[in-house]
């Protein structure tokens, strides 16, 4: 398998999950600013949408979108318990979390990375993020991970997007459960490997 990624982008989530799964894979850097691979290939010829992550399977099949990729990876190694079994209510709870993280947190960060976005508009998204972080903080009360006591692919995604609070200078110290969750996830060996590979640690 090949994972197309850009350091520190949302592709960090499947990168972490692949290490957690213990599967063999190759990393291919596809910088979000240049859209050029290291060999000069135009990334748009591989993924017409131009963004990461994208997972290429050994047979050449390509899978886009982080929440789909991490569930695919988890299902290759069911004994690792990275995702509940398909068709169960816990699996739908996992998808509920992945959707919340993707649509309510991840996408609320996007305008903050746009240099031409007016400051007034950015503040609207900061306020939205504060509201969502407050919700997540409550949900994490008395839980080590978003689904309970076991790490799942949703934790990798939540950790990845919450890391963006640092470059965006968003203080999350008022969300102690979220801060503790981030520290707990970051301490995992698989997370440390992904951070080192992406030169983020």
Protein backbone atom coordinates (compact mmCIF):
# COMPACT_ATOMS: atom_id res chain seq x y z
CA UNK A 1 0.00 0.00 0.00
CA UNK A 2 0.98 3.61 -0.55
CA UNK A 3 -0.20 6.53 1.55
CA UNK A 4 -0.03 9.91 -0.14
CA UNK A 5 0.44 12.51 2.57
CA UNK A 6 1.56 16.03 3.40
CA UNK A 7 3.38 16.61 6.70
CA UNK A 8 1.04 17.76 9.45
CA UNK A 9 -2.06 17.66 7.26
CA UNK A 10 -5.11 15.50 7.94
CA UNK A 11 -3.23 12.60 6.33
CA UNK A 12 -1.48 12.24 9.68
CA UNK A 13 -4.61 10.40 10.86
CA UNK A 14 -4.36 7.41 8.46
CA UNK A 15 -0.57 7.51 8.85
CA UNK A 16 -1.05 6.90 12.58
CA UNK A 17 -3.67 4.22 11.94
CA UNK A 18 -1.42 2.33 9.52
CA UNK A 19 1.28 2.18 12.20
CA UNK A 20 -1.30 1.11 14.79
CA UNK A 21 -2.46 -1.62 12.40
CA UNK A 22 1.07 -2.88 11.86
CA UNK A 23 0.56 -3.08 8.10
CA UNK A 24 3.33 -2.61 5.55
CA UNK A 25 3.00 0.62 3.58
CA UNK A 26 5.00 3.18 1.65
CA UNK A 27 4.80 6.91 2.32
CA UNK A 28 4.63 9.21 -0.69
CA UNK A 29 4.87 12.91 0.04
CA UNK A 30 2.36 15.03 -1.88
CA UNK A 31 2.81 18.58 -0.51
CA UNK A 32 -0.47 20.48 -0.38
CA UNK A 33 1.21 23.72 -1.50
CA UNK A 34 2.99 22.46 -4.63
CA UNK A 35 0.97 19.34 -5.54
CA UNK A 36 4.21 17.90 -6.91
CA UNK A 37 5.68 14.57 -5.87
CA UNK A 38 9.40 14.32 -5.23
CA UNK A 39 9.94 12.84 -8.70
CA UNK A 40 8.16 15.82 -10.27
CA UNK A 41 4.86 14.03 -10.92
CA UNK A 42 1.80 16.29 -10.85
CA UNK A 43 -0.27 14.95 -7.97
CA UNK A 44 -3.47 15.98 -9.75
CA UNK A 45 -2.78 13.17 -12.24
CA UNK A 46 -3.06 10.73 -9.31
CA UNK A 47 -5.82 12.40 -7.33
CA UNK A 48 -7.85 14.88 -9.41
CA UNK A 49 -9.02 16.56 -6.19
CA UNK A 50 -5.41 17.38 -5.35
CA UNK A 51 -5.63 16.83 -1.61
CA UNK A 52 -4.45 14.23 0.85
CA UNK A 53 -4.79 11.61 2.16
CA UNK A 54 -5.11 9.00 -0.52
CA UNK A 55 -4.42 5.31 -0.07
CA UNK A 56 -3.32 3.22 -3.04
CA UNK A 57 -3.81 -0.50 -2.57
CA UNK A 58 -1.44 -3.13 -3.90
CA UNK A 59 -3.72 -3.79 -6.88
CA UNK A 60 -3.69 -0.10 -7.83
CA UNK A 61 -7.13 0.71 -6.40
CA UNK A 62 -7.17 4.18 -4.88
CA UNK A 63 -9.22 5.24 -1.88
CA UNK A 64 -9.78 8.89 -0.97
CA UNK A 65 -11.12 10.61 2.16
CA UNK A 66 -9.55 10.08 5.57
CA UNK A 67 -12.59 8.63 7.39
CA UNK A 68 -13.04 6.00 4.65
CA UNK A 69 -9.32 5.18 4.59
CA UNK A 70 -8.99 4.67 8.33
CA UNK A 71 -12.02 2.38 8.43
CA UNK A 72 -10.64 0.34 5.54
CA UNK A 73 -7.31 -0.04 7.34
CA UNK A 74 -9.01 -0.95 10.62
CA UNK A 75 -11.07 -3.65 8.89
CA UNK A 76 -7.88 -5.32 7.59
CA UNK A 77 -6.82 -6.08 11.17
CA UNK A 78 -10.01 -6.67 13.20
CA UNK A 79 -8.07 -8.16 16.11
CA UNK A 80 -6.48 -4.74 16.73
CA UNK A 81 -9.91 -3.29 17.66
CA UNK A 82 -9.24 -0.04 15.79
CA UNK A 83 -12.91 0.01 14.77
CA UNK A 84 -15.95 -1.95 15.96
CA UNK A 85 -17.35 -4.59 13.64
CA UNK A 86 -19.37 -3.45 10.63
CA UNK A 87 -23.11 -3.52 11.10
CA UNK A 88 -22.99 -3.00 14.87
CA UNK A 89 -24.25 0.04 16.73
CA UNK A 90 -20.74 0.79 18.05
CA UNK A 91 -19.57 1.03 14.41
CA UNK A 92 -22.22 3.63 13.73
CA UNK A 93 -21.10 5.48 16.87
CA UNK A 94 -17.57 5.47 15.45
CA UNK A 95 -18.88 6.87 12.17
CA UNK A 96 -20.81 9.47 14.16
CA UNK A 97 -17.54 10.60 15.71
CA UNK A 98 -15.64 10.56 12.40
CA UNK A 99 -18.38 12.69 10.83
CA UNK A 100 -18.39 15.16 13.71
CA UNK A 101 -14.62 15.52 13.62
CA UNK A 102 -14.58 15.86 9.83
CA UNK A 103 -17.46 18.25 9.29
CA UNK A 104 -17.57 20.24 12.52
CA UNK A 105 -13.91 20.48 13.59
CA UNK A 106 -11.69 19.72 10.59
CA UNK A 107 -13.64 21.91 8.19
CA UNK A 108 -13.96 24.72 10.72
CA UNK A 109 -10.17 24.98 10.68
CA UNK A 110 -9.96 25.35 6.89
CA UNK A 111 -10.82 29.09 6.74
CA UNK A 112 -8.20 29.81 9.41
CA UNK A 113 -5.47 28.59 7.05
CA UNK A 114 -6.58 30.98 4.29
CA UNK A 115 -4.45 34.15 4.34
CA UNK A 116 -7.06 36.17 2.44
CA UNK A 117 -9.90 35.27 4.82
CA UNK A 118 -11.09 38.41 6.69
CA UNK A 119 -10.36 38.42 10.41
CA UNK A 120 -14.06 38.85 11.22
CA UNK A 121 -14.85 35.64 9.35
CA UNK A 122 -12.01 33.78 11.05
CA UNK A 123 -13.43 34.74 14.42
CA UNK A 124 -16.73 33.10 13.49
CA UNK A 125 -14.90 29.84 12.91
CA UNK A 126 -12.85 30.19 16.10
CA UNK A 127 -16.11 30.58 18.01
CA UNK A 128 -17.53 27.52 16.28
CA UNK A 129 -14.44 25.52 17.18
CA UNK A 130 -14.73 26.64 20.81
CA UNK A 131 -18.29 25.35 20.88
CA UNK A 132 -17.29 22.00 19.36
CA UNK A 133 -14.30 21.60 21.66
CA UNK A 134 -16.58 22.24 24.62
CA UNK A 135 -18.83 19.42 23.44
CA UNK A 136 -15.90 17.04 22.92
CA UNK A 137 -14.47 17.96 26.31
CA UNK A 138 -17.77 16.97 27.96
CA UNK A 139 -17.93 13.74 25.98
CA UNK A 140 -14.42 12.79 27.09
CA UNK A 141 -15.24 13.10 30.79
CA UNK A 142 -14.28 9.86 32.55
CA UNK A 143 -13.17 8.30 29.24
CA UNK A 144 -9.65 7.64 27.99
CA UNK A 145 -10.73 7.65 24.34
CA UNK A 146 -13.74 8.86 22.39
CA UNK A 147 -15.31 5.39 22.24
CA UNK A 148 -14.45 4.52 25.84
CA UNK A 149 -11.39 2.68 27.10
CA UNK A 150 -10.05 1.52 23.71
CA UNK A 151 -8.16 3.58 21.13
CA UNK A 152 -9.91 3.71 17.75
CA UNK A 153 -9.39 5.43 14.42
CA UNK A 154 -11.54 8.33 15.67
CA UNK A 155 -8.90 9.15 18.28
CA UNK A 156 -6.24 9.43 15.60
CA UNK A 157 -8.42 11.86 13.65
CA UNK A 158 -9.35 13.96 16.68
CA UNK A 159 -5.69 14.18 17.72
CA UNK A 160 -4.64 15.18 14.20
CA UNK A 161 -7.04 18.10 13.86
CA UNK A 162 -6.58 19.26 17.44
CA UNK A 163 -2.84 19.62 16.75
CA UNK A 164 -3.75 22.53 14.48
CA UNK A 165 -4.71 24.64 17.49
CA UNK A 166 -0.99 25.33 18.04
CA UNK A 167 -0.18 27.02 14.71
CA UNK A 168 -3.55 28.77 14.84
CA UNK A 169 -2.79 29.99 18.38
CA UNK A 170 -6.02 28.61 19.81
CA UNK A 171 -5.77 27.99 23.54
CA UNK A 172 -7.40 24.68 24.53
CA UNK A 173 -6.24 24.68 28.15
CA UNK A 174 -9.85 25.27 29.26
CA UNK A 175 -10.74 21.84 27.88
CA UNK A 176 -8.79 19.59 30.28
CA UNK A 177 -10.33 16.33 29.07
CA UNK A 178 -9.37 17.14 25.49
CA UNK A 179 -5.85 18.15 26.54
CA UNK A 180 -5.48 14.88 28.46
CA UNK A 181 -6.78 12.93 25.45
CA UNK A 182 -4.23 14.55 23.16
CA UNK A 183 -1.39 13.73 25.55
CA UNK A 184 -2.62 10.14 25.90
CA UNK A 185 -2.79 9.66 22.13
CA UNK A 186 0.54 11.39 21.49
CA UNK A 187 2.27 9.03 23.91
CA UNK A 188 1.35 5.98 21.83
CA UNK A 189 4.34 4.43 20.00
CA UNK A 190 2.50 4.40 16.66
CA UNK A 191 1.79 8.12 16.96
CA UNK A 192 5.41 8.85 17.80
CA UNK A 193 6.52 6.89 14.72
CA UNK A 194 4.19 8.86 12.47
CA UNK A 195 5.32 12.17 13.95
CA UNK A 196 8.97 11.25 13.47
CA UNK A 197 8.40 10.16 9.86
CA UNK A 198 6.68 13.47 9.10
CA UNK A 199 9.37 15.40 11.02
CA UNK A 200 6.75 16.82 13.40
CA UNK A 201 8.39 15.83 16.66
